[in-house]
Amino acid sequence: MKKAQNPSMSPPLAEALKDMGEHIARMRKARHVLQAEAALRANISRETASRIENGDAAVAIGQVVRYLDVIAPGATLGRLYETQDAALAMLEKSEKRQRARTLSPQALKRYEF
């Protein structure tokens, strides 16, 4: 039976792993890749992919690196936060709320029925 690693970690380390997993998950979602598909390409189970994205400390580093390489080829753990990912930037832009503006009198006339 597997022993949970996260409870024996210091809170800052557990939080860092959780943040890394969330960042990897956002990168995957930004590229519109299914978790099961990425797991298959990385030769890991979908459950392991889920554990990576949830920040589980018991996942082997090799599995994390393979999963990251499938999601963002050429990306490394060392540069995970260093550079701005183009797909992630587009996702963040689409998630931003846009300010609602009132319509001009001319635009209102177009919508009158």
PDB file of N, CA and C in Angstrom:
ATOM      1  N   MET A   1       0.834  -1.173   0.000  1.00  0.00           N
ATOM      2  CA  MET A   1       0.000   0.000   0.000  1.00  0.00           C
ATOM      3  C   MET A   1       0.880   1.237   0.000  1.00  0.00           C
ATOM      4  N   LYS A   2       0.522   2.213  -0.830  1.00  0.00           N
ATOM      5  CA  LYS A   2       1.313   3.427  -0.948  1.00  0.00           C
ATOM      6  C   LYS A   2       1.141   4.298   0.283  1.00  0.00           C
ATOM      7  N   LYS A   3       2.227   4.913   0.686  1.00  0.00           N
ATOM      8  CA  LYS A   3       2.191   5.817   1.822  1.00  0.00           C
ATOM      9  C   LYS A   3       2.089   7.250   1.305  1.00  0.00           C
ATOM     10  N   ALA A   4       1.192   8.012   1.861  1.00  0.00           N
ATOM     11  CA  ALA A   4       1.023   9.408   1.441  1.00  0.00           C
ATOM     12  C   ALA A   4       2.246  10.215   1.847  1.00  0.00           C
ATOM     13  N   GLN A   5       2.808  10.959   0.900  1.00  0.00           N
ATOM     14  CA  GLN A   5       4.011  11.732   1.154  1.00  0.00           C
ATOM     15  C   GLN A   5       3.714  13.160   1.594  1.00  0.00           C
ATOM     16  N   ASN A   6       2.631  13.727   1.115  1.00  0.00           N
ATOM     17  CA  ASN A   6       2.340  15.133   1.387  1.00  0.00           C
ATOM     18  C   ASN A   6       2.186  15.467   2.869  1.00  0.00           C
ATOM     19  N   PRO A   7       1.553  14.602   3.710  1.00  0.00           N
ATOM     20  CA  PRO A   7       1.418  14.973   5.120  1.00  0.00           C
ATOM     21  C   PRO A   7       2.755  15.105   5.851  1.00  0.00           C
ATOM     22  N   SER A   8       3.794  14.410   5.387  1.00  0.00           N
ATOM     23  CA  SER A   8       5.082  14.484   6.054  1.00  0.00           C
ATOM     24  C   SER A   8       5.947  15.645   5.549  1.00  0.00           C
ATOM     25  N   MET A   9       5.432  16.422   4.606  1.00  0.00           N
ATOM     26  CA  MET A   9       6.181  17.555   4.050  1.00  0.00           C
ATOM     27  C   MET A   9       5.833  18.835   4.795  1.00  0.00           C
ATOM     28  N   SER A  10       6.745  19.780   4.717  1.00  0.00           N
ATOM     29  CA  SER A  10       6.454  21.085   5.306  1.00  0.00           C
ATOM     30  C   SER A  10       5.383  21.766   4.444  1.00  0.00           C
ATOM     31  N   PRO A  11       4.552  22.599   5.048  1.00  0.00           N
ATOM     32  CA  PRO A  11       3.483  23.263   4.275  1.00  0.00           C
ATOM     33  C   PRO A  11       3.983  24.052   3.065  1.00  0.00           C
ATOM     34  N   PRO A  12       5.116  24.783   3.151  1.00  0.00           N
ATOM     35  CA  PRO A  12       5.571  25.502   1.950  1.00  0.00           C
ATOM     36  C   PRO A  12       5.940  24.566   0.796  1.00  0.00           C
ATOM     37  N   LEU A  13       6.542  23.415   1.105  1.00  0.00           N
ATOM     38  CA  LEU A  13       6.895  22.462   0.048  1.00  0.00           C
ATOM     39  C   LEU A  13       5.649  21.837  -0.568  1.00  0.00           C
ATOM     40  N   ALA A  14       4.680  21.486   0.263  1.00  0.00           N
ATOM     41  CA  ALA A  14       3.439  20.911  -0.244  1.00  0.00           C
ATOM     42  C   ALA A  14       2.707  21.931  -1.119  1.00  0.00           C
ATOM     43  N   GLU A  15       2.722  23.193  -0.724  1.00  0.00           N
ATOM     44  CA  GLU A  15       2.076  24.250  -1.505  1.00  0.00           C
ATOM     45  C   GLU A  15       2.796  24.452  -2.840  1.00  0.00           C
ATOM     46  N   ALA A  16       4.124  24.366  -2.827  1.00  0.00           N
ATOM     47  CA  ALA A  16       4.896  24.512  -4.063  1.00  0.00           C
ATOM     48  C   ALA A  16       4.574  23.383  -5.039  1.00  0.00           C
ATOM     49  N   LEU A  17       4.437  22.158  -4.530  1.00  0.00           N
ATOM     50  CA  LEU A  17       4.073  21.035  -5.396  1.00  0.00           C
ATOM     51  C   LEU A  17       2.673  21.210  -5.960  1.00  0.00           C
ATOM     52  N   LYS A  18       1.761  21.683  -5.138  1.00  0.00           N
ATOM     53  CA  LYS A  18       0.389  21.920  -5.595  1.00  0.00           C
ATOM     54  C   LYS A  18       0.371  22.990  -6.679  1.00  0.00           C
ATOM     55  N   ASP A  19       1.142  24.058  -6.485  1.00  0.00           N
ATOM     56  CA  ASP A  19       1.225  25.127  -7.488  1.00  0.00           C
ATOM     57  C   ASP A  19       1.809  24.613  -8.797  1.00  0.00           C
ATOM     58  N   MET A  20       2.856  23.788  -8.695  1.00  0.00           N
ATOM     59  CA  MET A  20       3.472  23.232  -9.898  1.00  0.00           C
ATOM     60  C   MET A  20       2.471  22.355 -10.649  1.00  0.00           C
ATOM     61  N   GLY A  21       1.732  21.524  -9.927  1.00  0.00           N
ATOM     62  CA  GLY A  21       0.738  20.669 -10.556  1.00  0.00           C
ATOM     63  C   GLY A  21      -0.352  21.475 -11.242  1.00  0.00           C
ATOM     64  N   GLU A  22      -0.810  22.545 -10.588  1.00  0.00           N
ATOM     65  CA  GLU A  22      -1.831  23.402 -11.183  1.00  0.00           C
ATOM     66  C   GLU A  22      -1.298  24.104 -12.432  1.00  0.00           C
ATOM     67  N   HIS A  23      -0.038  24.501 -12.393  1.00  0.00           N
ATOM     68  CA  HIS A  23       0.571  25.163 -13.551  1.00  0.00           C
ATOM     69  C   HIS A  23       0.653  24.197 -14.736  1.00  0.00           C
ATOM     70  N   ILE A  24       1.056  22.965 -14.463  1.00  0.00           N
ATOM     71  CA  ILE A  24       1.135  21.952 -15.515  1.00  0.00           C
ATOM     72  C   ILE A  24      -0.259  21.668 -16.072  1.00  0.00           C
ATOM     73  N   ALA A  25      -1.256  21.587 -15.197  1.00  0.00           N
ATOM     74  CA  ALA A  25      -2.630  21.340 -15.651  1.00  0.00           C
ATOM     75  C   ALA A  25      -3.131  22.482 -16.531  1.00  0.00           C
ATOM     76  N   ARG A  26      -2.827  23.716 -16.155  1.00  0.00           N
ATOM     77  CA  ARG A  26      -3.246  24.871 -16.961  1.00  0.00           C
ATOM     78  C   ARG A  26      -2.550  24.863 -18.323  1.00  0.00           C
ATOM     79  N   MET A  27      -1.283  24.452 -18.347  1.00  0.00           N
ATOM     80  CA  MET A  27      -0.569  24.352 -19.624  1.00  0.00           C
ATOM     81  C   MET A  27      -1.239  23.320 -20.524  1.00  0.00           C
ATOM     82  N   ARG A  28      -1.647  22.200 -19.937  1.00  0.00           N
ATOM     83  CA  ARG A  28      -2.314  21.154 -20.710  1.00  0.00           C
ATOM     84  C   ARG A  28      -3.660  21.649 -21.245  1.00  0.00           C
ATOM     85  N   LYS A  29      -4.420  22.302 -20.386  1.00  0.00           N
ATOM     86  CA  LYS A  29      -5.732  22.807 -20.799  1.00  0.00           C
ATOM     87  C   LYS A  29      -5.605  23.901 -21.854  1.00  0.00           C
ATOM     88  N   ALA A  30      -4.563  24.710 -21.751  1.00  0.00           N
ATOM     89  CA  ALA A  30      -4.351  25.779 -22.726  1.00  0.00           C
ATOM     90  C   ALA A  30      -4.101  25.211 -24.118  1.00  0.00           C
ATOM     91  N   ARG A  31      -3.560  24.024 -24.181  1.00  0.00           N
ATOM     92  CA  ARG A  31      -3.279  23.383 -25.461  1.00  0.00           C
ATOM     93  C   ARG A  31      -4.415  22.458 -25.912  1.00  0.00           C
ATOM     94  N   HIS A  32      -5.481  22.401 -25.132  1.00  0.00           N
ATOM     95  CA  HIS A  32      -6.655  21.579 -25.438  1.00  0.00           C
ATOM     96  C   HIS A  32      -6.279  20.104 -25.566  1.00  0.00           C
ATOM     97  N   VAL A  33      -5.439  19.628 -24.642  1.00  0.00           N
ATOM     98  CA  VAL A  33      -5.035  18.226 -24.623  1.00  0.00           C
ATOM     99  C   VAL A  33      -5.764  17.548 -23.465  1.00  0.00           C
ATOM    100  N   LEU A  34      -6.388  16.419 -23.745  1.00  0.00           N
ATOM    101  CA  LEU A  34      -7.057  15.671 -22.688  1.00  0.00           C
ATOM    102  C   LEU A  34      -6.024  15.033 -21.772  1.00  0.00           C
ATOM    103  N   GLN A  35      -6.377  14.928 -20.504  1.00  0.00           N
ATOM    104  CA  GLN A  35      -5.462  14.342 -19.528  1.00  0.00           C
ATOM    105  C   GLN A  35      -5.129  12.894 -19.898  1.00  0.00           C
ATOM    106  N   ALA A  36      -6.129  12.135 -20.326  1.00  0.00           N
ATOM    107  CA  ALA A  36      -5.904  10.739 -20.700  1.00  0.00           C
ATOM    108  C   ALA A  36      -4.981  10.626 -21.906  1.00  0.00           C
ATOM    109  N   GLU A  37      -5.139  11.536 -22.858  1.00  0.00           N
ATOM    110  CA  GLU A  37      -4.290  11.527 -24.055  1.00  0.00           C
ATOM    111  C   GLU A  37      -2.841  11.863 -23.702  1.00  0.00           C
ATOM    112  N   ALA A  38      -2.646  12.868 -22.856  1.00  0.00           N
ATOM    113  CA  ALA A  38      -1.293  13.241 -22.436  1.00  0.00           C
ATOM    114  C   ALA A  38      -0.653  12.111 -21.641  1.00  0.00           C
ATOM    115  N   ALA A  39      -1.432  11.457 -20.802  1.00  0.00           N
ATOM    116  CA  ALA A  39      -0.909  10.341 -20.008  1.00  0.00           C
ATOM    117  C   ALA A  39      -0.479   9.193 -20.902  1.00  0.00           C
ATOM    118  N   LEU A  40      -1.288   8.900 -21.905  1.00  0.00           N
ATOM    119  CA  LEU A  40      -0.961   7.824 -22.846  1.00  0.00           C
ATOM    120  C   LEU A  40       0.343   8.126 -23.575  1.00  0.00           C
ATOM    121  N   ARG A  41       0.494   9.355 -24.045  1.00  0.00           N
ATOM    122  CA  ARG A  41       1.717   9.742 -24.758  1.00  0.00           C
ATOM    123  C   ARG A  41       2.947   9.708 -23.850  1.00  0.00           C
ATOM    124  N   ALA A  42       2.745  10.007 -22.557  1.00  0.00           N
ATOM    125  CA  ALA A  42       3.863  10.011 -21.610  1.00  0.00           C
ATOM    126  C   ALA A  42       4.138   8.627 -21.035  1.00  0.00           C
ATOM    127  N   ASN A  43       3.325   7.646 -21.436  1.00  0.00           N
ATOM    128  CA  ASN A  43       3.467   6.271 -20.970  1.00  0.00           C
ATOM    129  C   ASN A  43       3.270   6.168 -19.454  1.00  0.00           C
ATOM    130  N   ILE A  44       2.261   6.881 -18.962  1.00  0.00           N
ATOM    131  CA  ILE A  44       1.868   6.782 -17.555  1.00  0.00           C
ATOM    132  C   ILE A  44       0.358   6.583 -17.523  1.00  0.00           C
ATOM    133  N   SER A  45      -0.155   6.189 -16.364  1.00  0.00           N
ATOM    134  CA  SER A  45      -1.597   6.011 -16.249  1.00  0.00           C
ATOM    135  C   SER A  45      -2.280   7.365 -16.098  1.00  0.00           C
ATOM    136  N   ARG A  46      -3.571   7.401 -16.390  1.00  0.00           N
ATOM    137  CA  ARG A  46      -4.321   8.642 -16.223  1.00  0.00           C
ATOM    138  C   ARG A  46      -4.371   9.030 -14.751  1.00  0.00           C
ATOM    139  N   GLU A  47      -4.403   8.031 -13.874  1.00  0.00           N
ATOM    140  CA  GLU A  47      -4.391   8.303 -12.435  1.00  0.00           C
ATOM    141  C   GLU A  47      -3.094   9.001 -12.027  1.00  0.00           C
ATOM    142  N   THR A  48      -1.967   8.572 -12.581  1.00  0.00           N
ATOM    143  CA  THR A  48      -0.694   9.217 -12.282  1.00  0.00           C
ATOM    144  C   THR A  48      -0.680  10.647 -12.805  1.00  0.00           C
ATOM    145  N   ALA A  49      -1.250  10.861 -13.988  1.00  0.00           N
ATOM    146  CA  ALA A  49      -1.344  12.217 -14.530  1.00  0.00           C
ATOM    147  C   ALA A  49      -2.164  13.104 -13.602  1.00  0.00           C
ATOM    148  N   SER A  50      -3.245  12.561 -13.082  1.00  0.00           N
ATOM    149  CA  SER A  50      -4.080  13.305 -12.141  1.00  0.00           C
ATOM    150  C   SER A  50      -3.307  13.622 -10.869  1.00  0.00           C
ATOM    151  N   ARG A  51      -2.530  12.669 -10.402  1.00  0.00           N
ATOM    152  CA  ARG A  51      -1.727  12.900  -9.194  1.00  0.00           C
ATOM    153  C   ARG A  51      -0.666  13.965  -9.432  1.00  0.00           C
ATOM    154  N   ILE A  52      -0.089  14.002 -10.620  1.00  0.00           N
ATOM    155  CA  ILE A  52       0.893  15.040 -10.957  1.00  0.00           C
ATOM    156  C   ILE A  52       0.225  16.405 -10.894  1.00  0.00           C
ATOM    157  N   GLU A  53      -0.955  16.504 -11.514  1.00  0.00           N
ATOM    158  CA  GLU A  53      -1.653  17.786 -11.565  1.00  0.00           C
ATOM    159  C   GLU A  53      -2.215  18.209 -10.213  1.00  0.00           C
ATOM    160  N   ASN A  54      -2.354  17.268  -9.289  1.00  0.00           N
ATOM    161  CA  ASN A  54      -2.815  17.583  -7.938  1.00  0.00           C
ATOM    162  C   ASN A  54      -1.666  17.832  -6.972  1.00  0.00           C
ATOM    163  N   GLY A  55      -0.427  17.686  -7.448  1.00  0.00           N
ATOM    164  CA  GLY A  55       0.738  17.977  -6.619  1.00  0.00           C
ATOM    165  C   GLY A  55       1.105  16.878  -5.648  1.00  0.00           C
ATOM    166  N   ASP A  56       0.868  15.628  -6.013  1.00  0.00           N
ATOM    167  CA  ASP A  56       1.205  14.494  -5.157  1.00  0.00           C
ATOM    168  C   ASP A  56       2.720  14.309  -5.124  1.00  0.00           C
ATOM    169  N   ALA A  57       3.282  14.249  -3.926  1.00  0.00           N
ATOM    170  CA  ALA A  57       4.731  14.141  -3.766  1.00  0.00           C
ATOM    171  C   ALA A  57       5.250  12.730  -4.035  1.00  0.00           C
ATOM    172  N   ALA A  58       4.376  11.744  -4.090  1.00  0.00           N
ATOM    173  CA  ALA A  58       4.813  10.362  -4.273  1.00  0.00           C
ATOM    174  C   ALA A  58       5.057  10.001  -5.734  1.00  0.00           C
ATOM    175  N   VAL A  59       4.778  10.909  -6.659  1.00  0.00           N
ATOM    176  CA  VAL A  59       4.995  10.632  -8.078  1.00  0.00           C
ATOM    177  C   VAL A  59       6.491  10.776  -8.386  1.00  0.00           C
ATOM    178  N   ALA A  60       7.013   9.824  -9.158  1.00  0.00           N
ATOM    179  CA  ALA A  60       8.431   9.855  -9.522  1.00  0.00           C
ATOM    180  C   ALA A  60       8.735  11.052 -10.415  1.00  0.00           C
ATOM    181  N   ILE A  61       9.879  11.648 -10.223  1.00  0.00           N
ATOM    182  CA  ILE A  61      10.267  12.848 -10.981  1.00  0.00           C
ATOM    183  C   ILE A  61      10.353  12.547 -12.473  1.00  0.00           C
ATOM    184  N   GLY A  62      10.735  11.337 -12.828  1.00  0.00           N
ATOM    185  CA  GLY A  62      10.807  10.955 -14.235  1.00  0.00           C
ATOM    186  C   GLY A  62       9.442  10.990 -14.904  1.00  0.00           C
ATOM    187  N   GLN A  63       8.415  10.596 -14.171  1.00  0.00           N
ATOM    188  CA  GLN A  63       7.062  10.638 -14.708  1.00  0.00           C
ATOM    189  C   GLN A  63       6.606  12.075 -14.908  1.00  0.00           C
ATOM    190  N   VAL A  64       6.954  12.936 -13.975  1.00  0.00           N
ATOM    191  CA  VAL A  64       6.590  14.354 -14.083  1.00  0.00           C
ATOM    192  C   VAL A  64       7.262  14.972 -15.312  1.00  0.00           C
ATOM    193  N   VAL A  65       8.530  14.674 -15.505  1.00  0.00           N
ATOM    194  CA  VAL A  65       9.290  15.239 -16.628  1.00  0.00           C
ATOM    195  C   VAL A  65       8.734  14.735 -17.956  1.00  0.00           C
ATOM    196  N   ARG A  66       8.412  13.443 -18.031  1.00  0.00           N
ATOM    197  CA  ARG A  66       7.826  12.893 -19.271  1.00  0.00           C
ATOM    198  C   ARG A  66       6.482  13.532 -19.563  1.00  0.00           C
ATOM    199  N   TYR A  67       5.666  13.695 -18.538  1.00  0.00           N
ATOM    200  CA  TYR A  67       4.340  14.300 -18.706  1.00  0.00           C
ATOM    201  C   TYR A  67       4.474  15.749 -19.170  1.00  0.00           C
ATOM    202  N   LEU A  68       5.388  16.485 -18.574  1.00  0.00           N
ATOM    203  CA  LEU A  68       5.615  17.874 -18.968  1.00  0.00           C
ATOM    204  C   LEU A  68       6.108  17.954 -20.411  1.00  0.00           C
ATOM    205  N   ASP A  69       6.979  17.034 -20.810  1.00  0.00           N
ATOM    206  CA  ASP A  69       7.511  17.041 -22.175  1.00  0.00           C
ATOM    207  C   ASP A  69       6.421  16.766 -23.203  1.00  0.00           C
ATOM    208  N   VAL A  70       5.441  15.956 -22.850  1.00  0.00           N
ATOM    209  CA  VAL A  70       4.328  15.684 -23.759  1.00  0.00           C
ATOM    210  C   VAL A  70       3.453  16.921 -23.906  1.00  0.00           C
ATOM    211  N   ILE A  71       3.212  17.590 -22.801  1.00  0.00           N
ATOM    212  CA  ILE A  71       2.336  18.767 -22.818  1.00  0.00           C
ATOM    213  C   ILE A  71       3.007  19.942 -23.519  1.00  0.00           C
ATOM    214  N   ALA A  72       4.241  20.211 -23.162  1.00  0.00           N
ATOM    215  CA  ALA A  72       4.975  21.339 -23.734  1.00  0.00           C
ATOM    216  C   ALA A  72       6.369  20.852 -24.128  1.00  0.00           C
ATOM    217  N   PRO A  73       6.521  20.325 -25.346  1.00  0.00           N
ATOM    218  CA  PRO A  73       7.826  19.808 -25.772  1.00  0.00           C
ATOM    219  C   PRO A  73       8.930  20.852 -25.611  1.00  0.00           C
ATOM    220  N   GLY A  74      10.019  20.413 -25.031  1.00  0.00           N
ATOM    221  CA  GLY A  74      11.150  21.310 -24.812  1.00  0.00           C
ATOM    222  C   GLY A  74      11.125  22.012 -23.463  1.00  0.00           C
ATOM    223  N   ALA A  75       9.993  21.993 -22.782  1.00  0.00           N
ATOM    224  CA  ALA A  75       9.900  22.634 -21.461  1.00  0.00           C
ATOM    225  C   ALA A  75      10.617  21.767 -20.430  1.00  0.00           C
ATOM    226  N   THR A  76      11.229  22.414 -19.471  1.00  0.00           N
ATOM    227  CA  THR A  76      11.897  21.703 -18.391  1.00  0.00           C
ATOM    228  C   THR A  76      11.362  22.193 -17.058  1.00  0.00           C
ATOM    229  N   LEU A  77      11.580  21.412 -16.018  1.00  0.00           N
ATOM    230  CA  LEU A  77      11.136  21.830 -14.691  1.00  0.00           C
ATOM    231  C   LEU A  77      11.847  23.102 -14.258  1.00  0.00           C
ATOM    232  N   GLY A  78      13.111  23.232 -14.617  1.00  0.00           N
ATOM    233  CA  GLY A  78      13.881  24.410 -14.240  1.00  0.00           C
ATOM    234  C   GLY A  78      13.351  25.691 -14.868  1.00  0.00           C
ATOM    235  N   ARG A  79      12.762  25.567 -16.036  1.00  0.00           N
ATOM    236  CA  ARG A  79      12.261  26.751 -16.744  1.00  0.00           C
ATOM    237  C   ARG A  79      10.736  26.819 -16.764  1.00  0.00           C
ATOM    238  N   LEU A  80      10.103  26.053 -15.905  1.00  0.00           N
ATOM    239  CA  LEU A  80       8.652  25.981 -15.899  1.00  0.00           C
ATOM    240  C   LEU A  80       8.006  27.338 -15.665  1.00  0.00           C
ATOM    241  N   TYR A  81       8.562  28.123 -14.760  1.00  0.00           N
ATOM    242  CA  TYR A  81       7.988  29.429 -14.431  1.00  0.00           C
ATOM    243  C   TYR A  81       8.773  30.586 -15.045  1.00  0.00           C
ATOM    244  N   GLU A  82       9.939  30.296 -15.612  1.00  0.00           N
ATOM    245  CA  GLU A  82      10.823  31.340 -16.128  1.00  0.00           C
ATOM    246  C   GLU A  82      10.243  32.080 -17.328  1.00  0.00           C
ATOM    247  N   THR A  83       9.822  31.345 -18.318  1.00  0.00           N
ATOM    248  CA  THR A  83       9.360  31.965 -19.561  1.00  0.00           C
ATOM    249  C   THR A  83       7.847  31.951 -19.632  1.00  0.00           C
ATOM    250  N   GLN A  84       7.308  32.924 -20.327  1.00  0.00           N
ATOM    251  CA  GLN A  84       5.862  32.994 -20.518  1.00  0.00           C
ATOM    252  C   GLN A  84       5.473  32.058 -21.654  1.00  0.00           C
ATOM    253  N   ASP A  85       4.610  31.129 -21.373  1.00  0.00           N
ATOM    254  CA  ASP A  85       4.120  30.168 -22.349  1.00  0.00           C
ATOM    255  C   ASP A  85       3.055  30.833 -23.207  1.00  0.00           C
ATOM    256  N   ALA A  86       3.181  30.779 -24.523  1.00  0.00           N
ATOM    257  CA  ALA A  86       2.249  31.460 -25.428  1.00  0.00           C
ATOM    258  C   ALA A  86       0.831  30.919 -25.293  1.00  0.00           C
ATOM    259  N   ALA A  87       0.684  29.604 -25.211  1.00  0.00           N
ATOM    260  CA  ALA A  87      -0.657  29.018 -25.087  1.00  0.00           C
ATOM    261  C   ALA A  87      -1.289  29.398 -23.754  1.00  0.00           C
ATOM    262  N   LEU A  88      -0.485  29.441 -22.713  1.00  0.00           N
ATOM    263  CA  LEU A  88      -0.982  29.826 -21.389  1.00  0.00           C
ATOM    264  C   LEU A  88      -1.380  31.298 -21.367  1.00  0.00           C
ATOM    265  N   ALA A  89      -0.631  32.124 -22.073  1.00  0.00           N
ATOM    266  CA  ALA A  89      -0.957  33.547 -22.147  1.00  0.00           C
ATOM    267  C   ALA A  89      -2.295  33.751 -22.865  1.00  0.00           C
ATOM    268  N   MET A  90      -2.549  32.980 -23.921  1.00  0.00           N
ATOM    269  CA  MET A  90      -3.819  33.086 -24.635  1.00  0.00           C
ATOM    270  C   MET A  90      -4.985  32.625 -23.760  1.00  0.00           C
ATOM    271  N   LEU A  91      -4.760  31.565 -22.965  1.00  0.00           N
ATOM    272  CA  LEU A  91      -5.796  31.091 -22.059  1.00  0.00           C
ATOM    273  C   LEU A  91      -6.122  32.147 -21.019  1.00  0.00           C
ATOM    274  N   GLU A  92      -5.089  32.757 -20.438  1.00  0.00           N
ATOM    275  CA  GLU A  92      -5.298  33.795 -19.432  1.00  0.00           C
ATOM    276  C   GLU A  92      -6.021  34.999 -20.024  1.00  0.00           C
ATOM    277  N   LYS A  93      -5.693  35.336 -21.261  1.00  0.00           N
ATOM    278  CA  LYS A  93      -6.353  36.462 -21.913  1.00  0.00           C
ATOM    279  C   LYS A  93      -7.837  36.174 -22.131  1.00  0.00           C
ATOM    280  N   SER A  94      -8.146  34.943 -22.526  1.00  0.00           N
ATOM    281  CA  SER A  94      -9.553  34.596 -22.750  1.00  0.00           C
ATOM    282  C   SER A  94     -10.340  34.521 -21.446  1.00  0.00           C
ATOM    283  N   GLU A  95      -9.649  34.274 -20.339  1.00  0.00           N
ATOM    284  CA  GLU A  95     -10.322  34.174 -19.042  1.00  0.00           C
ATOM    285  C   GLU A  95     -10.588  35.535 -18.407  1.00  0.00           C
ATOM    286  N   LYS A  96      -9.906  36.561 -18.863  1.00  0.00           N
ATOM    287  CA  LYS A  96     -10.103  37.883 -18.288  1.00  0.00           C
ATOM    288  C   LYS A  96     -11.500  38.382 -18.603  1.00  0.00           C
ATOM    289  N   ARG A  97     -12.063  39.026 -17.626  1.00  0.00           N
ATOM    290  CA  ARG A  97     -13.379  39.615 -17.842  1.00  0.00           C
ATOM    291  C   ARG A  97     -13.224  40.880 -18.659  1.00  0.00           C
ATOM    292  N   GLN A  98     -14.184  41.092 -19.514  1.00  0.00           N
ATOM    293  CA  GLN A  98     -14.169  42.306 -20.316  1.00  0.00           C
ATOM    294  C   GLN A  98     -15.212  43.257 -19.756  1.00  0.00           C
ATOM    295  N   ARG A  99     -14.859  44.488 -19.721  1.00  0.00           N
ATOM    296  CA  ARG A  99     -15.746  45.493 -19.181  1.00  0.00           C
ATOM    297  C   ARG A  99     -16.927  45.690 -20.127  1.00  0.00           C
ATOM    298  N   ALA A 100     -18.107  45.700 -19.565  1.00  0.00           N
ATOM    299  CA  ALA A 100     -19.303  45.933 -20.364  1.00  0.00           C
ATOM    300  C   ALA A 100     -19.487  47.431 -20.552  1.00  0.00           C
ATOM    301  N   ARG A 101     -19.696  47.821 -21.757  1.00  0.00           N
ATOM    302  CA  ARG A 101     -19.889  49.240 -22.062  1.00  0.00           C
ATOM    303  C   ARG A 101     -21.328  49.449 -22.531  1.00  0.00           C
ATOM    304  N   THR A 102     -21.824  50.621 -22.266  1.00  0.00           N
ATOM    305  CA  THR A 102     -23.158  50.949 -22.759  1.00  0.00           C
ATOM    306  C   THR A 102     -23.062  51.221 -24.256  1.00  0.00           C
ATOM    307  N   LEU A 103     -24.125  50.914 -24.945  1.00  0.00           N
ATOM    308  CA  LEU A 103     -24.144  51.111 -26.390  1.00  0.00           C
ATOM    309  C   LEU A 103     -24.364  52.583 -26.722  1.00  0.00           C
ATOM    310  N   SER A 104     -23.763  52.999 -27.806  1.00  0.00           N
ATOM    311  CA  SER A 104     -23.954  54.374 -28.276  1.00  0.00           C
ATOM    312  C   SER A 104     -25.373  54.519 -28.832  1.00  0.00           C
ATOM    313  N   PRO A 105     -25.877  55.730 -28.959  1.00  0.00           N
ATOM    314  CA  PRO A 105     -27.223  55.914 -29.525  1.00  0.00           C
ATOM    315  C   PRO A 105     -27.362  55.301 -30.923  1.00  0.00           C
ATOM    316  N   GLN A 106     -26.315  55.377 -31.730  1.00  0.00           N
ATOM    317  CA  GLN A 106     -26.374  54.783 -33.073  1.00  0.00           C
ATOM    318  C   GLN A 106     -26.494  53.262 -32.992  1.00  0.00           C
ATOM    319  N   ALA A 107     -25.742  52.654 -32.081  1.00  0.00           N
ATOM    320  CA  ALA A 107     -25.795  51.203 -31.932  1.00  0.00           C
ATOM    321  C   ALA A 107     -27.151  50.773 -31.378  1.00  0.00           C
ATOM    322  N   LEU A 108     -27.718  51.568 -30.482  1.00  0.00           N
ATOM    323  CA  LEU A 108     -29.049  51.248 -29.960  1.00  0.00           C
ATOM    324  C   LEU A 108     -30.105  51.246 -31.047  1.00  0.00           C
ATOM    325  N   LYS A 109     -29.977  52.175 -32.009  1.00  0.00           N
ATOM    326  CA  LYS A 109     -30.944  52.228 -33.106  1.00  0.00           C
ATOM    327  C   LYS A 109     -30.905  50.946 -33.958  1.00  0.00           C
ATOM    328  N   ARG A 110     -29.701  50.376 -34.113  1.00  0.00           N
ATOM    329  CA  ARG A 110     -29.580  49.154 -34.903  1.00  0.00           C
ATOM    330  C   ARG A 110     -30.342  47.998 -34.263  1.00  0.00           C
ATOM    331  N   TYR A 111     -30.424  47.988 -32.937  1.00  0.00           N
ATOM    332  CA  TYR A 111     -31.064  46.892 -32.231  1.00  0.00           C
ATOM    333  C   TYR A 111     -32.539  47.120 -31.935  1.00  0.00           C
ATOM    334  N   GLU A 112     -33.086  48.237 -32.346  1.00  0.00           N
ATOM    335  CA  GLU A 112     -34.519  48.482 -32.134  1.00  0.00           C
ATOM    336  C   GLU A 112     -35.319  47.619 -33.091  1.00  0.00           C
ATOM    337  N   PHE A 113     -36.398  47.085 -32.605  1.00  0.00           N
ATOM    338  CA  PHE A 113     -37.242  46.217 -33.430  1.00  0.00           C
ATOM    339  C   PHE A 113     -38.574  46.857 -33.664  1.00  0.00           C
TER     340      PHE A 113
END
